[in-house]
Amino acid sequence: MSRQNPDFIPAMPALARRIKSLWITKPGLKLTLMVLLAAGTVGLSGCSSTSLEDSLKPIGKSKQTASGPARNVVKLEAPGKGRYGDSDPVEFGKRHPDRYPVHGIDISKWQGEIDWNQVRKAGVAFAFMKATEGGDHTDSRYESYWRGARAAGIAHAPYHFYYFCRPAREQAAWFIANVSRESVQMPPVLDVEWNHASKNCTSRPDPETVRTEMKIWMDIVGAHYGKRPIIYTPVDFHRENLDGHFKGYQFWLRSVAAHPQDIYPDHPWTLWQYTGTGIMPGIKGNTDINAFAGTKTQWREWLRKYAR
C-alpha cells in the first residue's frame, strides 16, 4: 500500500498533475507557475475534497451523472495491480477498488485467530465483525475480535445476519442482549441476503414484509445504540427487495465482479465489498475486503460524524 502522507489525495486533473511535476523537476518554472496560480489562470481545485454534508447523504450516487462524475468516484492515479492479494482476482479496469484510498475487512469466526497489528500495518482502517445471527446464535470470536481491533487502532462495528424465519423484534432483542454499547464504535450493520445454504430456513417473504421487518429491527437497534444502522446487501436481494427504498440510510453493497455503478445503477453507497477472496496480512485464508467511498479526509470526517 502507498506510504504517502495520509492527508494527500492525488485527485488533481491531468493539467494540474503536469504542473505539479514541472514544479518539482524544473525549479526554474516555479516563479512563473506561482504567478499563474495567483492570477487564477491555472487551478488546482482537484486537490480539494467535498465536505461530508455534500458527499455523505449517503456519500453519492454510484454512476456518472450529466453534471460530471459521481461524488463517490475518487479520482486517483492508476491503481496498478492491487494493494492486497486475492486468491481469485478480478479485472476491474479503470474503476478498480484501489482508486479508493480507505479499505477495511469484514470477518466472522471462520477467519480464526487474527494478528491485528499486522492487519493494521497492512493499511486496514476499519473492520466489521459478525456478532449475531437470527435470535439464538452468537459468533464465538466477536468479543476477542472487537477488542483486538480497538487495541490496534482499527475502527470497528458489529453486524447481524438476519434470519427470515424469526420476527424482527426477537432478533433485535437478541442483538442488544449480546452486543455491548462499548463494542459498537461505528454504526451497527444489518446483513440482509437470501441464505441459499440454510437447511432450517428457506422462507422468502414478499418485499413489503422484508422491508417492514428490516425497519423494525433497525428502529429498535438504532434507538438503543444511538446510531442508524448500515444496510449490507448483495445484488439479488437488493434488486428484489430494496431498490428505491430506505433513502437516507447508508448502504454497504456487495459487488465482486464489477464496480457498484455497473451493478446497482443510480444507487448511493458508502461501502463496497469488492472481494470475498482477499488475502490479508495477519489473517489466515481468504477474507472479505471493502472500500470506503471517499477520500482519507472524508473518512476521518465520517468517523467524527458517525463513530464514537
C-alpha atoms as a PDB file:
ATOM      1  CA  MET A   1       0.000   0.000   0.000  1.00  0.00           C
ATOM      2  CA  SER A   2       1.023   3.604  -0.522  1.00  0.00           C
ATOM      3  CA  ARG A   3       3.026   5.164   2.298  1.00  0.00           C
ATOM      4  CA  GLN A   4       2.173   8.733   1.267  1.00  0.00           C
ATOM      5  CA  ASN A   5       1.112  11.432   3.674  1.00  0.00           C
ATOM      6  CA  PRO A   6      -2.427  10.362   4.687  1.00  0.00           C
ATOM      7  CA  ASP A   7      -3.700  13.873   4.005  1.00  0.00           C
ATOM      8  CA  PHE A   8      -2.547  13.744   0.397  1.00  0.00           C
ATOM      9  CA  ILE A   9      -5.173  12.544  -2.070  1.00  0.00           C
ATOM     10  CA  PRO A  10      -3.865  12.539  -5.668  1.00  0.00           C
ATOM     11  CA  ALA A  11      -7.105  13.799  -7.163  1.00  0.00           C
ATOM     12  CA  MET A  12      -5.673  16.518  -9.389  1.00  0.00           C
ATOM     13  CA  PRO A  13      -6.791  16.753 -13.010  1.00  0.00           C
ATOM     14  CA  ALA A  14      -4.236  15.948 -15.692  1.00  0.00           C
ATOM     15  CA  LEU A  15      -3.136  19.560 -16.241  1.00  0.00           C
ATOM     16  CA  ALA A  16      -2.646  20.132 -12.533  1.00  0.00           C
ATOM     17  CA  ARG A  17      -0.652  16.921 -12.209  1.00  0.00           C
ATOM     18  CA  ARG A  18       1.569  18.099 -15.083  1.00  0.00           C
ATOM     19  CA  ILE A  19       2.096  21.439 -13.373  1.00  0.00           C
ATOM     20  CA  LYS A  20       2.991  19.710 -10.109  1.00  0.00           C
ATOM     21  CA  SER A  21       5.501  17.554 -11.985  1.00  0.00           C
ATOM     22  CA  LEU A  22       7.089  20.550 -13.700  1.00  0.00           C
ATOM     23  CA  TRP A  23       7.276  22.416 -10.410  1.00  0.00           C
ATOM     24  CA  ILE A  24       9.241  19.562  -8.888  1.00  0.00           C
ATOM     25  CA  THR A  25      11.512  18.727 -11.832  1.00  0.00           C
ATOM     26  CA  LYS A  26      12.067  22.204 -13.259  1.00  0.00           C
ATOM     27  CA  PRO A  27      12.605  24.665 -10.388  1.00  0.00           C
ATOM     28  CA  GLY A  28      13.110  27.486 -12.856  1.00  0.00           C
ATOM     29  CA  LEU A  29       9.406  27.424 -13.641  1.00  0.00           C
ATOM     30  CA  LYS A  30       8.374  27.847 -10.014  1.00  0.00           C
ATOM     31  CA  LEU A  31       8.007  31.626 -10.110  1.00  0.00           C
ATOM     32  CA  THR A  32       6.023  31.565 -13.358  1.00  0.00           C
ATOM     33  CA  LEU A  33       3.660  28.930 -12.027  1.00  0.00           C
ATOM     34  CA  MET A  34       3.172  30.864  -8.796  1.00  0.00           C
ATOM     35  CA  VAL A  35       2.117  33.890 -10.817  1.00  0.00           C
ATOM     36  CA  LEU A  36      -0.291  31.830 -12.932  1.00  0.00           C
ATOM     37  CA  LEU A  37      -1.834  30.218  -9.886  1.00  0.00           C
ATOM     38  CA  ALA A  38      -2.185  33.543  -8.085  1.00  0.00           C
ATOM     39  CA  ALA A  39      -3.881  35.046 -11.130  1.00  0.00           C
ATOM     40  CA  GLY A  40      -6.302  32.155 -11.397  1.00  0.00           C
ATOM     41  CA  THR A  41      -5.054  31.213 -14.863  1.00  0.00           C
ATOM     42  CA  VAL A  42      -4.270  27.686 -13.694  1.00  0.00           C
ATOM     43  CA  GLY A  43      -6.356  25.983 -10.994  1.00  0.00           C
ATOM     44  CA  LEU A  44      -5.629  23.124  -8.632  1.00  0.00           C
ATOM     45  CA  SER A  45      -9.198  22.746  -7.474  1.00  0.00           C
ATOM     46  CA  GLY A  46      -8.921  18.992  -7.923  1.00  0.00           C
ATOM     47  CA  CYS A  47      -6.871  18.918  -4.737  1.00  0.00           C
ATOM     48  CA  SER A  48      -9.812  19.913  -2.573  1.00  0.00           C
ATOM     49  CA  SER A  49     -12.356  17.479  -1.167  1.00  0.00           C
ATOM     50  CA  THR A  50     -16.065  17.980  -0.596  1.00  0.00           C
ATOM     51  CA  SER A  51     -17.405  18.020   2.924  1.00  0.00           C
ATOM     52  CA  LEU A  52     -19.479  15.160   4.277  1.00  0.00           C
ATOM     53  CA  GLU A  53     -22.521  17.391   4.269  1.00  0.00           C
ATOM     54  CA  ASP A  54     -22.220  17.452   0.470  1.00  0.00           C
ATOM     55  CA  SER A  55     -20.951  13.963  -0.133  1.00  0.00           C
ATOM     56  CA  LEU A  56     -22.443  11.734   2.557  1.00  0.00           C
ATOM     57  CA  LYS A  57     -26.241  11.792   2.424  1.00  0.00           C
ATOM     58  CA  PRO A  58     -25.375   8.983   1.611  1.00  0.00           C
ATOM     59  CA  ILE A  59     -21.973   9.590   0.058  1.00  0.00           C
ATOM     60  CA  GLY A  60     -23.037   9.801  -3.538  1.00  0.00           C
ATOM     61  CA  LYS A  61     -24.602   8.030  -6.450  1.00  0.00           C
ATOM     62  CA  SER A  62     -22.906   5.052  -7.973  1.00  0.00           C
ATOM     63  CA  LYS A  63     -22.949   6.178 -11.565  1.00  0.00           C
ATOM     64  CA  GLN A  64     -21.984   9.048 -13.831  1.00  0.00           C
ATOM     65  CA  THR A  65     -24.373  11.984 -13.961  1.00  0.00           C
ATOM     66  CA  ALA A  66     -24.895  14.706 -16.516  1.00  0.00           C
ATOM     67  CA  SER A  67     -23.031  17.170 -14.347  1.00  0.00           C
ATOM     68  CA  GLY A  68     -19.914  15.037 -14.044  1.00  0.00           C
ATOM     69  CA  PRO A  69     -18.570  12.055 -12.182  1.00  0.00           C
ATOM     70  CA  ALA A  70     -20.426  10.694  -9.177  1.00  0.00           C
ATOM     71  CA  ARG A  71     -19.264  12.195  -5.900  1.00  0.00           C
ATOM     72  CA  ASN A  72     -18.038   8.864  -4.577  1.00  0.00           C
ATOM     73  CA  VAL A  73     -15.831   8.181  -7.595  1.00  0.00           C
ATOM     74  CA  VAL A  74     -12.489   9.303  -6.179  1.00  0.00           C
ATOM     75  CA  LYS A  75     -10.081  10.335  -8.929  1.00  0.00           C
ATOM     76  CA  LEU A  76      -6.802   8.695  -8.049  1.00  0.00           C
ATOM     77  CA  GLU A  77      -3.758   7.705 -10.021  1.00  0.00           C
ATOM     78  CA  ALA A  78      -3.732   4.374 -11.867  1.00  0.00           C
ATOM     79  CA  PRO A  79      -4.103   1.746  -9.139  1.00  0.00           C
ATOM     80  CA  GLY A  80      -1.710  -0.835 -10.510  1.00  0.00           C
ATOM     81  CA  LYS A  81      -2.215  -4.486  -9.592  1.00  0.00           C
ATOM     82  CA  GLY A  82      -3.905  -4.026  -6.242  1.00  0.00           C
ATOM     83  CA  ARG A  83      -2.791  -3.258  -2.711  1.00  0.00           C
ATOM     84  CA  TYR A  84      -3.900  -6.647  -1.369  1.00  0.00           C
ATOM     85  CA  GLY A  85      -3.567 -10.146  -2.722  1.00  0.00           C
ATOM     86  CA  ASP A  86      -6.540 -12.158  -3.945  1.00  0.00           C
ATOM     87  CA  SER A  87      -6.876 -15.897  -4.472  1.00  0.00           C
ATOM     88  CA  ASP A  88      -9.405 -15.286  -7.263  1.00  0.00           C
ATOM     89  CA  PRO A  89      -8.610 -11.829  -8.671  1.00  0.00           C
ATOM     90  CA  VAL A  90     -10.982  -9.838 -10.872  1.00  0.00           C
ATOM     91  CA  GLU A  91     -10.019  -7.279 -13.503  1.00  0.00           C
ATOM     92  CA  PHE A  92     -11.967  -4.166 -12.544  1.00  0.00           C
ATOM     93  CA  GLY A  93     -10.345  -1.972 -15.189  1.00  0.00           C
ATOM     94  CA  LYS A  94     -10.332   1.770 -14.644  1.00  0.00           C
ATOM     95  CA  ARG A  95     -12.794   1.540 -11.751  1.00  0.00           C
ATOM     96  CA  HIS A  96     -10.510  -0.621  -9.650  1.00  0.00           C
ATOM     97  CA  PRO A  97     -11.203  -0.542  -5.892  1.00  0.00           C
ATOM     98  CA  ASP A  98      -7.665   0.728  -5.361  1.00  0.00           C
ATOM     99  CA  ARG A  99      -8.911   4.068  -6.652  1.00  0.00           C
ATOM    100  CA  TYR A 100     -10.394   4.415  -3.180  1.00  0.00           C
ATOM    101  CA  PRO A 101      -7.750   5.015  -0.505  1.00  0.00           C
ATOM    102  CA  VAL A 102      -9.615   3.689   2.551  1.00  0.00           C
ATOM    103  CA  HIS A 103     -10.080  -0.066   2.920  1.00  0.00           C
ATOM    104  CA  GLY A 104     -11.378  -2.437   5.569  1.00  0.00           C
ATOM    105  CA  ILE A 105     -12.371  -6.023   6.261  1.00  0.00           C
ATOM    106  CA  ASP A 106     -15.433  -7.919   7.408  1.00  0.00           C
ATOM    107  CA  ILE A 107     -14.946 -11.107   9.356  1.00  0.00           C
ATOM    108  CA  SER A 108     -16.518 -13.888  11.383  1.00  0.00           C
ATOM    109  CA  LYS A 109     -15.212 -16.784  13.452  1.00  0.00           C
ATOM    110  CA  TRP A 110     -14.145 -18.565  10.263  1.00  0.00           C
ATOM    111  CA  GLN A 111     -11.161 -16.226   9.960  1.00  0.00           C
ATOM    112  CA  GLY A 112      -9.734 -17.771  13.142  1.00  0.00           C
ATOM    113  CA  GLU A 113      -7.023 -16.049  15.140  1.00  0.00           C
ATOM    114  CA  ILE A 114      -6.119 -12.626  13.743  1.00  0.00           C
ATOM    115  CA  ASP A 115      -2.907 -10.684  14.198  1.00  0.00           C
ATOM    116  CA  TRP A 116      -4.490  -7.251  14.451  1.00  0.00           C
ATOM    117  CA  ASN A 117      -1.196  -5.388  14.440  1.00  0.00           C
ATOM    118  CA  GLN A 118      -0.312  -6.979  11.098  1.00  0.00           C
ATOM    119  CA  VAL A 119      -3.755  -6.104   9.767  1.00  0.00           C
ATOM    120  CA  ARG A 120      -3.276  -2.503  10.841  1.00  0.00           C
ATOM    121  CA  LYS A 121       0.203  -2.346   9.308  1.00  0.00           C
ATOM    122  CA  ALA A 122      -1.333  -3.545   6.034  1.00  0.00           C
ATOM    123  CA  GLY A 123      -3.360  -0.333   5.951  1.00  0.00           C
ATOM    124  CA  VAL A 124      -6.738  -1.591   7.125  1.00  0.00           C
ATOM    125  CA  ALA A 125      -8.802   1.294   8.503  1.00  0.00           C
ATOM    126  CA  PHE A 126     -11.966  -0.492   9.624  1.00  0.00           C
ATOM    127  CA  ALA A 127     -13.387  -3.906  10.475  1.00  0.00           C
ATOM    128  CA  PHE A 128     -16.957  -5.135  10.612  1.00  0.00           C
ATOM    129  CA  MET A 129     -17.382  -8.374  12.523  1.00  0.00           C
ATOM    130  CA  LYS A 130     -20.241 -10.798  12.891  1.00  0.00           C
ATOM    131  CA  ALA A 131     -21.861 -10.634  16.309  1.00  0.00           C
ATOM    132  CA  THR A 132     -25.204 -12.402  15.995  1.00  0.00           C
ATOM    133  CA  GLU A 133     -27.459 -14.353  13.659  1.00  0.00           C
ATOM    134  CA  GLY A 134     -31.190 -14.776  13.972  1.00  0.00           C
ATOM    135  CA  GLY A 135     -32.408 -14.957  17.556  1.00  0.00           C
ATOM    136  CA  ASP A 136     -30.289 -17.684  19.074  1.00  0.00           C
ATOM    137  CA  HIS A 137     -26.783 -17.582  17.596  1.00  0.00           C
ATOM    138  CA  THR A 138     -23.698 -15.574  18.526  1.00  0.00           C
ATOM    139  CA  ASP A 139     -20.284 -15.526  16.896  1.00  0.00           C
ATOM    140  CA  SER A 140     -17.798 -17.045  19.311  1.00  0.00           C
ATOM    141  CA  ARG A 141     -14.997 -14.677  18.313  1.00  0.00           C
ATOM    142  CA  TYR A 142     -16.890 -11.385  18.369  1.00  0.00           C
ATOM    143  CA  GLU A 143     -15.636 -10.280  21.770  1.00  0.00           C
ATOM    144  CA  SER A 144     -11.972 -11.019  21.041  1.00  0.00           C
ATOM    145  CA  TYR A 145     -12.216  -9.509  17.561  1.00  0.00           C
ATOM    146  CA  TRP A 146     -13.572  -6.127  18.574  1.00  0.00           C
ATOM    147  CA  ARG A 147     -11.150  -5.820  21.464  1.00  0.00           C
ATOM    148  CA  GLY A 148      -8.250  -6.767  19.192  1.00  0.00           C
ATOM    149  CA  ALA A 149      -9.313  -4.252  16.560  1.00  0.00           C
ATOM    150  CA  ARG A 150      -9.677  -1.480  19.124  1.00  0.00           C
ATOM    151  CA  ALA A 151      -6.264  -2.204  20.641  1.00  0.00           C
ATOM    152  CA  ALA A 152      -4.719  -1.951  17.172  1.00  0.00           C
ATOM    153  CA  GLY A 153      -6.463   1.354  16.427  1.00  0.00           C
ATOM    154  CA  ILE A 154      -8.855  -0.038  13.818  1.00  0.00           C
ATOM    155  CA  ALA A 155     -12.412   1.337  13.738  1.00  0.00           C
ATOM    156  CA  HIS A 156     -14.901  -1.474  14.330  1.00  0.00           C
ATOM    157  CA  ALA A 157     -18.584  -2.372  14.449  1.00  0.00           C
ATOM    158  CA  PRO A 158     -20.768  -5.491  14.675  1.00  0.00           C
ATOM    159  CA  TYR A 159     -23.113  -6.926  12.106  1.00  0.00           C
ATOM    160  CA  HIS A 160     -26.236  -9.037  12.493  1.00  0.00           C
ATOM    161  CA  PHE A 161     -27.052 -11.734   9.947  1.00  0.00           C
ATOM    162  CA  TYR A 162     -30.815 -11.576   9.506  1.00  0.00           C
ATOM    163  CA  TYR A 163     -32.855 -14.793   9.709  1.00  0.00           C
ATOM    164  CA  PHE A 164     -36.132 -14.711   7.796  1.00  0.00           C
ATOM    165  CA  CYS A 165     -37.826 -17.326   9.972  1.00  0.00           C
ATOM    166  CA  ARG A 166     -37.775 -15.252  13.145  1.00  0.00           C
ATOM    167  CA  PRO A 167     -39.587 -11.972  13.994  1.00  0.00           C
ATOM    168  CA  ALA A 168     -37.512  -8.805  13.742  1.00  0.00           C
ATOM    169  CA  ARG A 169     -38.266  -7.780  17.326  1.00  0.00           C
ATOM    170  CA  GLU A 170     -36.835 -11.028  18.674  1.00  0.00           C
ATOM    171  CA  GLN A 171     -33.712 -10.628  16.554  1.00  0.00           C
ATOM    172  CA  ALA A 172     -33.230  -7.031  17.671  1.00  0.00           C
ATOM    173  CA  ALA A 173     -33.587  -8.080  21.311  1.00  0.00           C
ATOM    174  CA  TRP A 174     -31.047 -10.864  20.780  1.00  0.00           C
ATOM    175  CA  PHE A 175     -28.566  -8.463  19.193  1.00  0.00           C
ATOM    176  CA  ILE A 176     -28.920  -5.958  22.037  1.00  0.00           C
ATOM    177  CA  ALA A 177     -28.565  -8.689  24.662  1.00  0.00           C
ATOM    178  CA  ASN A 178     -25.258  -9.840  23.184  1.00  0.00           C
ATOM    179  CA  VAL A 179     -23.639  -6.664  21.853  1.00  0.00           C
ATOM    180  CA  SER A 180     -22.463  -4.113  24.392  1.00  0.00           C
ATOM    181  CA  ARG A 181     -22.631  -0.417  23.607  1.00  0.00           C
ATOM    182  CA  GLU A 182     -18.896  -0.297  24.245  1.00  0.00           C
ATOM    183  CA  SER A 183     -18.247  -2.582  21.278  1.00  0.00           C
ATOM    184  CA  VAL A 184     -20.271  -0.507  18.796  1.00  0.00           C
ATOM    185  CA  GLN A 185     -17.835   2.135  17.610  1.00  0.00           C
ATOM    186  CA  MET A 186     -19.135   2.618  14.066  1.00  0.00           C
ATOM    187  CA  PRO A 187     -22.830   2.130  13.234  1.00  0.00           C
ATOM    188  CA  PRO A 188     -24.047  -1.477  13.517  1.00  0.00           C
ATOM    189  CA  VAL A 189     -24.869  -3.325  10.314  1.00  0.00           C
ATOM    190  CA  LEU A 190     -27.949  -5.279   9.267  1.00  0.00           C
ATOM    191  CA  ASP A 191     -26.852  -8.002   6.834  1.00  0.00           C
ATOM    192  CA  VAL A 192     -29.827  -8.955   4.638  1.00  0.00           C
ATOM    193  CA  GLU A 193     -29.424 -11.619   1.979  1.00  0.00           C
ATOM    194  CA  TRP A 194     -31.045 -14.860   0.927  1.00  0.00           C
ATOM    195  CA  ASN A 195     -29.264 -17.693   2.695  1.00  0.00           C
ATOM    196  CA  HIS A 196     -29.140 -20.312  -0.045  1.00  0.00           C
ATOM    197  CA  ALA A 197     -27.251 -22.750   2.178  1.00  0.00           C
ATOM    198  CA  SER A 198     -29.713 -22.750   5.066  1.00  0.00           C
ATOM    199  CA  LYS A 199     -31.380 -26.090   5.781  1.00  0.00           C
ATOM    200  CA  ASN A 200     -33.588 -24.693   8.531  1.00  0.00           C
ATOM    201  CA  CYS A 201     -34.996 -21.550   6.926  1.00  0.00           C
ATOM    202  CA  THR A 202     -35.890 -21.390   3.245  1.00  0.00           C
ATOM    203  CA  SER A 203     -38.523 -18.687   3.726  1.00  0.00           C
ATOM    204  CA  ARG A 204     -38.514 -15.797   1.267  1.00  0.00           C
ATOM    205  CA  PRO A 205     -41.081 -13.239   2.423  1.00  0.00           C
ATOM    206  CA  ASP A 206     -42.583 -10.783  -0.035  1.00  0.00           C
ATOM    207  CA  PRO A 207     -40.686  -7.483  -0.479  1.00  0.00           C
ATOM    208  CA  GLU A 208     -43.093  -5.430   1.622  1.00  0.00           C
ATOM    209  CA  THR A 209     -42.763  -7.843   4.539  1.00  0.00           C
ATOM    210  CA  VAL A 210     -38.987  -7.858   4.168  1.00  0.00           C
ATOM    211  CA  ARG A 211     -38.823  -4.072   4.339  1.00  0.00           C
ATOM    212  CA  THR A 212     -41.256  -3.857   7.245  1.00  0.00           C
ATOM    213  CA  GLU A 213     -39.243  -6.336   9.309  1.00  0.00           C
ATOM    214  CA  MET A 214     -35.967  -4.631   8.428  1.00  0.00           C
ATOM    215  CA  LYS A 215     -37.358  -1.285   9.554  1.00  0.00           C
ATOM    216  CA  ILE A 216     -38.484  -2.767  12.878  1.00  0.00           C
ATOM    217  CA  TRP A 217     -35.016  -4.197  13.547  1.00  0.00           C
ATOM    218  CA  MET A 218     -33.215  -1.009  12.527  1.00  0.00           C
ATOM    219  CA  ASP A 219     -35.512   1.250  14.552  1.00  0.00           C
ATOM    220  CA  ILE A 220     -35.036  -0.788  17.735  1.00  0.00           C
ATOM    221  CA  VAL A 221     -31.290  -1.244  17.335  1.00  0.00           C
ATOM    222  CA  GLY A 222     -30.736   2.333  16.189  1.00  0.00           C
ATOM    223  CA  ALA A 223     -32.586   3.718  19.203  1.00  0.00           C
ATOM    224  CA  HIS A 224     -30.613   1.534  21.612  1.00  0.00           C
ATOM    225  CA  TYR A 225     -27.142   2.425  20.309  1.00  0.00           C
ATOM    226  CA  GLY A 226     -27.893   5.941  19.104  1.00  0.00           C
ATOM    227  CA  LYS A 227     -26.713   5.130  15.577  1.00  0.00           C
ATOM    228  CA  ARG A 228     -28.778   4.443  12.473  1.00  0.00           C
ATOM    229  CA  PRO A 229     -27.699   1.003  11.172  1.00  0.00           C
ATOM    230  CA  ILE A 230     -25.979   0.495   7.836  1.00  0.00           C
ATOM    231  CA  ILE A 231     -27.621  -1.923   5.385  1.00  0.00           C
ATOM    232  CA  TYR A 232     -25.437  -4.629   3.817  1.00  0.00           C
ATOM    233  CA  THR A 233     -26.842  -6.462   0.806  1.00  0.00           C
ATOM    234  CA  PRO A 234     -25.854  -8.384  -2.335  1.00  0.00           C
ATOM    235  CA  VAL A 235     -27.286  -7.612  -5.749  1.00  0.00           C
ATOM    236  CA  ASP A 236     -30.057 -10.237  -5.966  1.00  0.00           C
ATOM    237  CA  PHE A 237     -31.578  -9.299  -2.621  1.00  0.00           C
ATOM    238  CA  HIS A 238     -31.252  -5.607  -3.389  1.00  0.00           C
ATOM    239  CA  ARG A 239     -32.939  -5.980  -6.759  1.00  0.00           C
ATOM    240  CA  GLU A 240     -35.870  -7.947  -5.359  1.00  0.00           C
ATOM    241  CA  ASN A 241     -36.477  -6.019  -2.144  1.00  0.00           C
ATOM    242  CA  LEU A 242     -34.567  -2.786  -1.653  1.00  0.00           C
ATOM    243  CA  ASP A 243     -34.184  -0.903  -4.916  1.00  0.00           C
ATOM    244  CA  GLY A 244     -35.677   2.558  -4.448  1.00  0.00           C
ATOM    245  CA  HIS A 245     -36.270   2.104  -0.717  1.00  0.00           C
ATOM    246  CA  PHE A 246     -34.595   3.182   2.536  1.00  0.00           C
ATOM    247  CA  LYS A 247     -33.495   6.542   1.236  1.00  0.00           C
ATOM    248  CA  GLY A 248     -31.302   8.283   3.786  1.00  0.00           C
ATOM    249  CA  TYR A 249     -29.797   5.029   5.018  1.00  0.00           C
ATOM    250  CA  GLN A 250     -26.205   4.208   4.261  1.00  0.00           C
ATOM    251  CA  PHE A 251     -25.684   1.155   2.071  1.00  0.00           C
ATOM    252  CA  TRP A 252     -22.847  -1.333   2.017  1.00  0.00           C
ATOM    253  CA  LEU A 253     -23.056  -3.078  -1.349  1.00  0.00           C
ATOM    254  CA  ARG A 254     -21.526  -6.379  -2.416  1.00  0.00           C
ATOM    255  CA  SER A 255     -20.130  -6.287  -5.951  1.00  0.00           C
ATOM    256  CA  VAL A 256     -17.235  -8.676  -6.508  1.00  0.00           C
ATOM    257  CA  ALA A 257     -17.200  -8.722 -10.319  1.00  0.00           C
ATOM    258  CA  ALA A 258     -17.627  -5.051 -11.245  1.00  0.00           C
ATOM    259  CA  HIS A 259     -17.854  -1.533  -9.833  1.00  0.00           C
ATOM    260  CA  PRO A 260     -21.150  -0.818  -7.994  1.00  0.00           C
ATOM    261  CA  GLN A 261     -22.174   1.729 -10.626  1.00  0.00           C
ATOM    262  CA  ASP A 262     -22.388  -1.166 -13.095  1.00  0.00           C
ATOM    263  CA  ILE A 263     -24.358  -3.453 -10.780  1.00  0.00           C
ATOM    264  CA  TYR A 264     -26.538  -1.060  -8.753  1.00  0.00           C
ATOM    265  CA  PRO A 265     -27.337   1.729 -11.237  1.00  0.00           C
ATOM    266  CA  ASP A 266     -28.113   5.082  -9.670  1.00  0.00           C
ATOM    267  CA  HIS A 267     -27.887   3.798  -6.092  1.00  0.00           C
ATOM    268  CA  PRO A 268     -25.966   5.683  -3.370  1.00  0.00           C
ATOM    269  CA  TRP A 269     -23.413   3.673  -1.426  1.00  0.00           C
ATOM    270  CA  THR A 270     -20.977   4.190   1.418  1.00  0.00           C
ATOM    271  CA  LEU A 271     -19.097   0.876   1.465  1.00  0.00           C
ATOM    272  CA  TRP A 272     -18.222  -1.527  -1.341  1.00  0.00           C
ATOM    273  CA  GLN A 273     -17.417  -5.174  -0.659  1.00  0.00           C
ATOM    274  CA  TYR A 274     -15.250  -5.909  -3.676  1.00  0.00           C
ATOM    275  CA  THR A 275     -13.884  -9.352  -2.875  1.00  0.00           C
ATOM    276  CA  GLY A 276     -14.625 -12.393  -0.782  1.00  0.00           C
ATOM    277  CA  THR A 277     -11.285 -13.991  -1.593  1.00  0.00           C
ATOM    278  CA  GLY A 278      -8.870 -11.336  -0.393  1.00  0.00           C
ATOM    279  CA  ILE A 279      -5.501 -12.150   1.110  1.00  0.00           C
ATOM    280  CA  MET A 280      -4.680 -10.012   4.118  1.00  0.00           C
ATOM    281  CA  PRO A 281      -1.534  -9.988   6.277  1.00  0.00           C
ATOM    282  CA  GLY A 282      -2.437 -11.171   9.760  1.00  0.00           C
ATOM    283  CA  ILE A 283      -5.334 -13.364   8.590  1.00  0.00           C
ATOM    284  CA  LYS A 284      -5.012 -16.979   7.504  1.00  0.00           C
ATOM    285  CA  GLY A 285      -7.036 -17.899   4.441  1.00  0.00           C
ATOM    286  CA  ASN A 286      -9.401 -15.706   2.450  1.00  0.00           C
ATOM    287  CA  THR A 287     -11.257 -12.713   3.804  1.00  0.00           C
ATOM    288  CA  ASP A 288     -13.716 -10.096   2.562  1.00  0.00           C
ATOM    289  CA  ILE A 289     -12.206  -6.706   1.757  1.00  0.00           C
ATOM    290  CA  ASN A 290     -14.101  -3.455   1.306  1.00  0.00           C
ATOM    291  CA  ALA A 291     -13.577   0.112   0.141  1.00  0.00           C
ATOM    292  CA  PHE A 292     -14.989   3.309   1.618  1.00  0.00           C
ATOM    293  CA  ALA A 293     -16.481   5.646  -0.968  1.00  0.00           C
ATOM    294  CA  GLY A 294     -14.404   8.712  -0.265  1.00  0.00           C
ATOM    295  CA  THR A 295     -11.022  10.215   0.435  1.00  0.00           C
ATOM    296  CA  LYS A 296      -8.980   9.816   3.603  1.00  0.00           C
ATOM    297  CA  THR A 297     -10.119  13.236   4.737  1.00  0.00           C
ATOM    298  CA  GLN A 298     -13.753  12.261   4.169  1.00  0.00           C
ATOM    299  CA  TRP A 299     -13.153   9.050   6.078  1.00  0.00           C
ATOM    300  CA  ARG A 300     -11.928  10.976   9.116  1.00  0.00           C
ATOM    301  CA  GLU A 301     -14.949  13.266   8.836  1.00  0.00           C
ATOM    302  CA  TRP A 302     -17.238  10.243   8.530  1.00  0.00           C
ATOM    303  CA  LEU A 303     -15.771   8.771  11.717  1.00  0.00           C
ATOM    304  CA  ARG A 304     -16.222  12.059  13.565  1.00  0.00           C
ATOM    305  CA  LYS A 305     -19.860  12.133  12.485  1.00  0.00           C
ATOM    306  CA  TYR A 306     -20.884   8.501  12.853  1.00  0.00           C
ATOM    307  CA  ALA A 307     -18.419   6.823  15.218  1.00  0.00           C
ATOM    308  CA  ARG A 308     -17.506   7.360  18.855  1.00  0.00           C
END
